[in-house]
Protein backbone atom coordinates (compact mmCIF):
# COMPACT_ATOMS: atom_id res chain seq x y z
CA MET A 1 80.47 69.04 68.71
CA SER A 2 81.04 68.13 65.12
CA ALA A 3 82.26 70.67 62.58
CA GLY A 4 79.80 69.17 60.09
CA TRP A 5 76.69 70.22 61.99
CA SER A 6 74.29 72.76 60.53
CA GLU A 7 74.27 76.26 62.02
CA LYS A 8 70.79 75.61 63.46
CA GLY A 9 71.87 72.29 64.99
CA ARG A 10 75.03 73.77 66.44
CA LYS A 11 73.17 76.69 68.02
CA ALA A 12 70.61 74.31 69.54
CA HIS A 13 73.42 72.18 70.96
CA GLU A 14 75.23 75.19 72.46
CA ASP A 15 71.98 76.49 73.95
CA SER A 16 71.25 73.06 75.45
CA MET A 17 74.71 72.98 77.07
CA ILE A 18 74.19 76.37 78.65
CA GLN A 19 70.73 75.36 79.88
CA ALA A 20 72.15 72.09 81.24
CA GLY A 21 74.76 74.06 83.11
CA ALA A 22 72.06 76.20 84.63
CA ARG A 23 70.15 73.09 85.71
CA ARG A 24 73.16 71.42 87.33
CA GLY A 25 72.68 73.46 90.45
CA ARG A 26 74.46 76.03 92.52
CA TRP A 27 78.02 74.89 91.92
CA SER A 28 79.98 74.58 88.67
CA LEU A 29 83.35 75.54 87.24
CA LEU A 30 83.95 77.47 84.01
CA LEU A 31 87.31 77.13 82.25
CA ALA A 32 87.98 79.81 79.63
CA THR A 33 90.73 78.71 77.24
CA ASP A 34 92.61 80.17 74.29
CA PHE A 35 94.56 76.87 73.86
CA GLN A 36 97.90 78.47 74.79
CA GLU A 37 100.37 77.33 77.49
CA PRO A 38 98.82 79.20 80.45
CA ALA A 39 95.42 77.85 79.42
CA ARG A 40 96.83 74.31 79.45
CA ARG A 41 97.92 74.77 83.05
CA ALA A 42 94.59 76.40 83.82
CA LEU A 43 92.88 73.26 82.47
CA LEU A 44 94.89 71.11 84.89
CA HIS A 45 93.87 73.34 87.80
CA GLY A 46 90.26 73.27 86.60
CA MET A 47 90.31 69.47 86.45
CA LYS A 48 91.91 69.28 89.88
CA LEU A 49 89.25 71.52 91.41
CA ALA A 50 86.41 69.78 89.59
CA THR A 51 87.62 66.40 90.88
CA THR A 52 88.21 67.62 94.42
CA LEU A 53 84.92 69.51 94.63
CA GLU A 54 82.96 66.81 92.76
CA THR A 55 81.51 69.17 90.20
CA SER A 56 81.35 69.55 86.43
CA LEU A 57 83.58 71.66 84.20
CA THR A 58 82.45 73.74 81.22
CA ILE A 59 85.34 74.32 78.79
CA LEU A 60 84.74 77.53 76.83
CA HIS A 61 86.61 78.92 73.85
CA VAL A 62 85.67 82.23 72.27
CA VAL A 63 86.53 83.00 68.65
CA LYS A 64 87.12 86.74 68.74
CA THR A 65 84.92 88.55 66.22
CA PRO A 66 83.52 92.08 65.92
CA THR A 67 80.92 92.65 68.61
CA ASP A 68 78.15 93.38 66.10
CA LEU A 69 78.31 89.82 64.68
CA PRO A 70 76.18 86.96 66.04
CA ARG A 71 77.56 85.11 69.08
CA ARG A 72 76.93 81.65 67.67
CA ALA A 73 78.29 81.05 64.16
CA PRO A 74 79.03 84.04 61.89
CA ASP A 75 79.66 83.42 58.19
CA GLY A 76 82.97 83.59 56.36
CA GLN A 77 85.56 81.05 55.24
CA ALA A 78 88.19 82.27 57.71
CA LEU A 79 85.78 81.98 60.62
CA ARG A 80 84.66 78.55 59.47
CA SER A 81 88.28 77.44 59.49
CA LEU A 82 88.79 78.85 62.98
CA ARG A 83 85.60 77.14 64.11
CA THR A 84 86.76 73.77 62.81
CA SER A 85 90.13 74.07 64.54
CA ALA A 86 88.51 75.26 67.77
CA LEU A 87 85.97 72.43 67.78
CA LEU A 88 88.72 69.86 67.33
CA GLU A 89 90.78 71.31 70.18
CA LEU A 90 87.75 71.65 72.45
CA GLY A 91 86.92 68.03 71.74
CA ARG A 92 90.46 66.97 72.62
CA LEU A 93 90.42 68.89 75.92
CA THR A 94 87.00 67.54 76.81
CA ARG A 95 88.12 63.97 76.17
CA LEU A 96 91.24 64.59 78.27
CA ALA A 97 89.11 65.82 81.16
CA LYS A 98 86.74 62.87 80.89
CA GLU A 99 89.69 60.45 80.88
CA ARG A 100 90.65 62.01 84.23
CA GLY A 101 87.16 61.35 85.59
CA VAL A 102 85.83 64.90 85.17
CA SER A 103 82.34 65.59 83.86
CA ALA A 104 83.19 68.14 81.15
CA GLN A 105 81.22 69.95 78.46
CA PRO A 106 82.72 71.97 75.54
CA LEU A 107 81.29 75.30 74.47
CA LEU A 108 82.30 77.43 71.47
CA LEU A 109 81.13 81.03 71.16
CA TYR A 110 81.92 83.99 68.89
CA GLY A 111 82.36 87.64 69.78
CA ASP A 112 84.07 89.62 72.51
CA PRO A 113 85.92 87.14 74.77
CA ILE A 114 85.37 89.08 78.00
CA GLY A 115 81.66 89.54 77.39
CA CYS A 116 81.15 85.91 76.35
CA ILE A 117 83.06 84.54 79.35
CA VAL A 118 81.24 86.76 81.86
CA GLU A 119 77.82 86.05 80.37
CA THR A 120 78.47 82.30 80.24
CA ALA A 121 79.55 82.36 83.90
CA ARG A 122 76.16 83.86 84.73
CA GLN A 123 74.20 81.44 82.54
CA VAL A 124 75.80 78.26 83.90
CA HIS A 125 75.77 79.60 87.47
CA ALA A 126 79.55 79.23 87.72
CA LYS A 127 80.96 79.61 91.21
CA MET A 128 84.45 80.06 89.79
CA VAL A 129 86.11 80.96 86.49
CA VAL A 130 89.53 79.47 85.73
CA ILE A 131 91.65 81.27 83.12
CA GLY A 132 95.26 81.52 81.95
CA THR A 133 96.90 84.94 82.25
CA GLU A 134 98.88 85.17 79.03
CA GLY A 135 99.74 83.50 75.74
CA ARG A 136 102.30 84.30 73.06
CA THR A 137 99.85 83.87 70.24
CA GLY A 138 96.63 83.86 72.25
CA TRP A 139 94.20 86.56 73.25
CA ASP A 140 96.84 89.01 74.41
CA ARG A 141 100.63 89.38 74.58
CA LEU A 142 100.59 91.30 77.86
CA ARG A 143 101.85 89.54 80.94
CA ILE A 144 98.47 89.41 82.62
CA GLY A 145 96.53 89.84 79.38
CA SER A 146 93.61 92.15 78.75
CA ILE A 147 91.17 89.21 78.64
CA ALA A 148 92.17 87.82 82.03
CA ARG A 149 92.19 91.33 83.49
CA GLY A 150 88.73 92.05 82.12
CA VAL A 151 87.30 88.77 83.40
CA VAL A 152 88.72 89.39 86.89
CA ARG A 153 87.10 92.83 86.87
CA GLU A 154 83.69 91.83 85.56
CA ALA A 155 83.03 88.19 86.45
CA PRO A 156 80.09 87.51 88.79
CA CYS A 157 82.17 84.98 90.73
CA PRO A 158 85.75 84.40 91.95
CA VAL A 159 88.40 84.04 89.24
CA LEU A 160 91.43 81.75 89.39
CA THR A 161 94.26 83.08 87.20
CA VAL A 162 97.04 80.69 86.22
CA HIS A 163 100.39 81.57 84.64
CA GLY A 164 102.21 79.44 82.07
CA GLY A 165 104.94 77.16 83.40
CA LEU A 166 108.59 76.90 82.59
CA ALA A 167 109.56 74.87 79.56
CA GLY A 168 110.07 71.22 80.44
CA ASP A 169 108.57 71.56 83.91
CA GLY A 170 106.87 68.17 83.55
CA PHE A 171 103.50 69.56 84.65
CA ARG A 172 101.18 67.27 82.74
CA HIS A 173 98.57 65.76 85.08
CA PRO A 174 96.01 67.29 87.47
CA ALA A 175 97.21 64.91 90.19
CA LYS A 176 100.44 66.92 90.23
CA VAL A 177 98.58 70.16 90.96
CA ARG A 178 99.20 71.13 94.58
CA LEU A 179 96.69 73.34 96.38
CA ARG A 180 97.64 72.42 99.94
CA ARG A 181 99.34 75.65 101.07
CA VAL A 182 97.01 78.63 100.79
CA LEU A 183 97.93 82.21 101.62
CA LEU A 184 95.09 84.64 102.26
CA ALA A 185 96.17 88.24 101.83
CA THR A 186 93.78 90.55 103.66
CA ASP A 187 93.22 94.22 104.34
CA PHE A 188 89.88 93.45 106.07
CA SER A 189 87.87 95.15 103.30
CA ARG A 190 84.56 93.69 102.10
CA ASP A 191 86.30 91.97 99.18
CA ALA A 192 88.97 90.59 101.52
CA ASN A 193 86.28 89.27 103.85
CA SER A 194 84.67 87.53 100.86
CA ALA A 195 88.09 86.00 100.12
CA PHE A 196 88.21 84.77 103.73
CA GLN A 197 84.84 83.04 103.36
CA ILE A 198 86.02 81.37 100.14
CA VAL A 199 89.14 80.09 101.87
CA ARG A 200 87.07 78.87 104.79
CA SER A 201 84.82 76.94 102.42
CA LEU A 202 87.53 75.52 100.16
CA ALA A 203 90.16 74.54 102.75
CA PRO A 204 88.43 71.38 104.07
CA LYS A 205 87.86 70.08 100.54
CA LEU A 206 91.46 70.80 99.53
CA ARG A 207 92.82 69.61 102.89
CA ALA A 208 94.76 72.83 102.84
CA SER A 209 96.54 74.78 105.55
CA ILE A 210 95.98 78.53 105.60
CA ARG A 211 98.26 81.45 106.37
CA VAL A 212 96.49 84.79 106.84
CA VAL A 213 98.73 87.79 106.11
CA HIS A 214 98.11 91.50 106.51
CA ALA A 215 100.63 94.05 105.26
CA SER A 216 100.60 97.15 107.43
CA GLU A 217 102.10 100.36 106.10
CA SER A 218 101.49 102.16 109.40
CA PRO A 219 102.77 100.84 112.78
CA SER A 220 99.81 102.51 114.51
CA ASN A 221 97.45 100.00 112.91
CA ASN A 222 99.39 96.89 113.90
CA LYS A 223 97.57 96.04 117.13
CA GLN A 224 94.13 96.26 115.59
CA ALA A 225 95.25 94.23 112.55
CA GLU A 226 96.77 91.56 114.81
CA ARG A 227 93.51 91.25 116.72
CA MET A 228 91.55 90.83 113.50
CA ILE A 229 93.99 88.24 112.17
CA THR A 230 93.83 86.33 115.46
CA ARG A 231 90.04 86.27 115.21
CA GLN A 232 90.11 84.96 111.63
CA VAL A 233 92.70 82.30 112.48
CA ARG A 234 90.60 81.19 115.45
CA GLU A 235 87.51 80.89 113.23
CA LEU A 236 89.44 78.70 110.80
CA GLN A 237 90.83 76.56 113.60
CA ASN A 238 87.34 76.15 115.05
CA ASP A 239 86.45 74.59 111.68
CA GLU A 240 89.39 72.19 112.17
CA ILE A 241 91.43 73.96 109.50
CA GLU A 242 95.16 74.26 110.10
CA ALA A 243 95.77 78.00 110.19
CA GLU A 244 98.22 80.66 111.29
CA GLY A 245 98.55 84.37 110.65
CA ASN A 246 100.76 87.38 110.99
CA CYS A 247 100.87 91.11 110.44
CA VAL A 248 103.96 92.33 108.58
CA GLN A 249 104.96 95.94 108.12
CA GLY A 250 105.76 97.09 104.61
CA ALA A 251 104.39 97.72 101.14
CA PRO A 252 101.50 95.27 100.55
CA VAL A 253 102.64 93.76 97.26
CA GLU A 254 106.21 93.16 98.37
CA VAL A 255 105.15 91.80 101.77
CA ILE A 256 102.64 89.39 100.26
CA LEU A 257 105.05 88.14 97.60
CA ARG A 258 107.78 87.54 100.20
CA GLN A 259 105.36 85.73 102.49
CA ALA A 260 104.06 83.62 99.60
CA ALA A 261 107.61 82.58 98.72
CA MET A 262 108.55 81.83 102.34
CA TYR A 263 105.39 79.73 102.79
CA GLN A 264 105.91 77.92 99.46
CA THR A 265 102.38 78.92 98.60
CA ASP A 266 100.33 76.83 96.16
CA LEU A 267 97.41 79.26 95.99
CA LEU A 268 97.19 82.96 96.79
CA VAL A 269 93.73 84.35 97.61
CA VAL A 270 93.01 88.09 97.61
CA GLY A 271 90.15 90.57 97.24
CA THR A 272 90.03 92.44 93.96
CA SER A 273 89.96 95.89 95.56
CA GLY A 274 90.79 97.36 98.93
CA ARG A 275 89.38 99.54 101.64
CA ARG A 276 89.19 102.63 99.44
CA GLY A 277 85.94 101.34 97.98
CA LEU A 278 86.91 100.90 94.34
CA SER A 279 84.16 99.87 91.97
CA ARG A 280 84.04 96.18 91.12
CA MET A 281 84.76 97.25 87.53
CA VAL A 282 88.18 98.49 88.67
CA LEU A 283 90.89 95.96 89.44
CA GLY A 284 92.84 97.13 92.48
CA SER A 285 96.54 97.80 91.98
CA VAL A 286 97.58 95.29 94.66
CA ALA A 287 95.46 92.49 93.17
CA GLU A 288 96.69 93.19 89.65
CA ALA A 289 100.34 93.28 90.77
CA LEU A 290 99.91 89.97 92.59
CA ILE A 291 98.32 88.34 89.54
CA LYS A 292 101.25 89.54 87.42
CA ARG A 293 104.08 88.67 89.80
CA ALA A 294 103.03 85.81 92.07
CA GLY A 295 104.75 82.49 91.52
CA CYS A 296 101.51 80.58 92.02
CA PRO A 297 97.88 80.80 90.85
CA VAL A 298 95.89 83.70 92.29
CA LEU A 299 92.22 83.46 93.25
CA THR A 300 90.54 86.87 93.32
CA ALA A 301 87.27 87.54 95.12
CA GLN A 302 84.70 90.31 95.23
CA HIS A 303 82.04 91.10 97.78
CA LYS A 304 78.89 89.17 96.86
CA ARG A 305 75.47 88.91 98.45
CA GLU A 306 75.30 85.15 97.85
CA PRO A 307 77.74 83.20 100.06
CA PHE A 308 80.41 81.05 98.48
CA ILE A 309 79.65 77.49 99.61
CA THR A 310 81.17 74.29 98.26
CA PRO A 311 78.99 71.19 97.83
């Protein structure tokens, strides 16, 4: 997108990109970026997944403006300057993705970031949103960030949250992204069962091995939990997926984090809320703590009527 386009031309182009995304079919990835370090790593994960799953990637940036202004291109010199900078950076990221063999489309919107991201995910039929969790000068200074938290709560699809890396970690190419060791944390709730189906669908494409972990705070529940884990592991193995599982007694967050470290986990998958039936607008305390503290990307899932199926 060129910064020299007219407002009418730019709006038509953005609308055409959204419509094209809707026409691409039942599978697409949406990367939401604020151009900060976590978003850079999120881009690499998005490119890795897009390549592995053979799908396209929409790269979205939202210029935060008051919610009563138009979503497309509000007036004002300051906003025009932000738009120019954002278009240049979106163009650079899109070219980078295309150089890596990814079919990528840029999209610039204005308004409330959470609302724009969630609505775009619906319009392009995204099966996953990829987003960084924090940025020093980005959308939010909090460790998880209010934008990432809001997207995890409200998105109509699973959300992959990615932290920023350590300085000088050399993480520069999607080929270096490892998603081969997946830990599924489950409490057997509806959201956790949706997470299981996602893992079952993704594992063959990623050539990943799966560890299913349940943290039991009550010894009386151990036998039933072990039976349910055994059943899930058997289902994965029947699909020729390398899988194992265990039930560990202790506080869920601490158990899952220890297991993830022991397993050298590349990807942690968890339901957004637990068996207490929290609304999908409420991010469960366990999921939020894992997003904040896990040493790897976290994929959160909610119970959905439409099954999660890779191409």
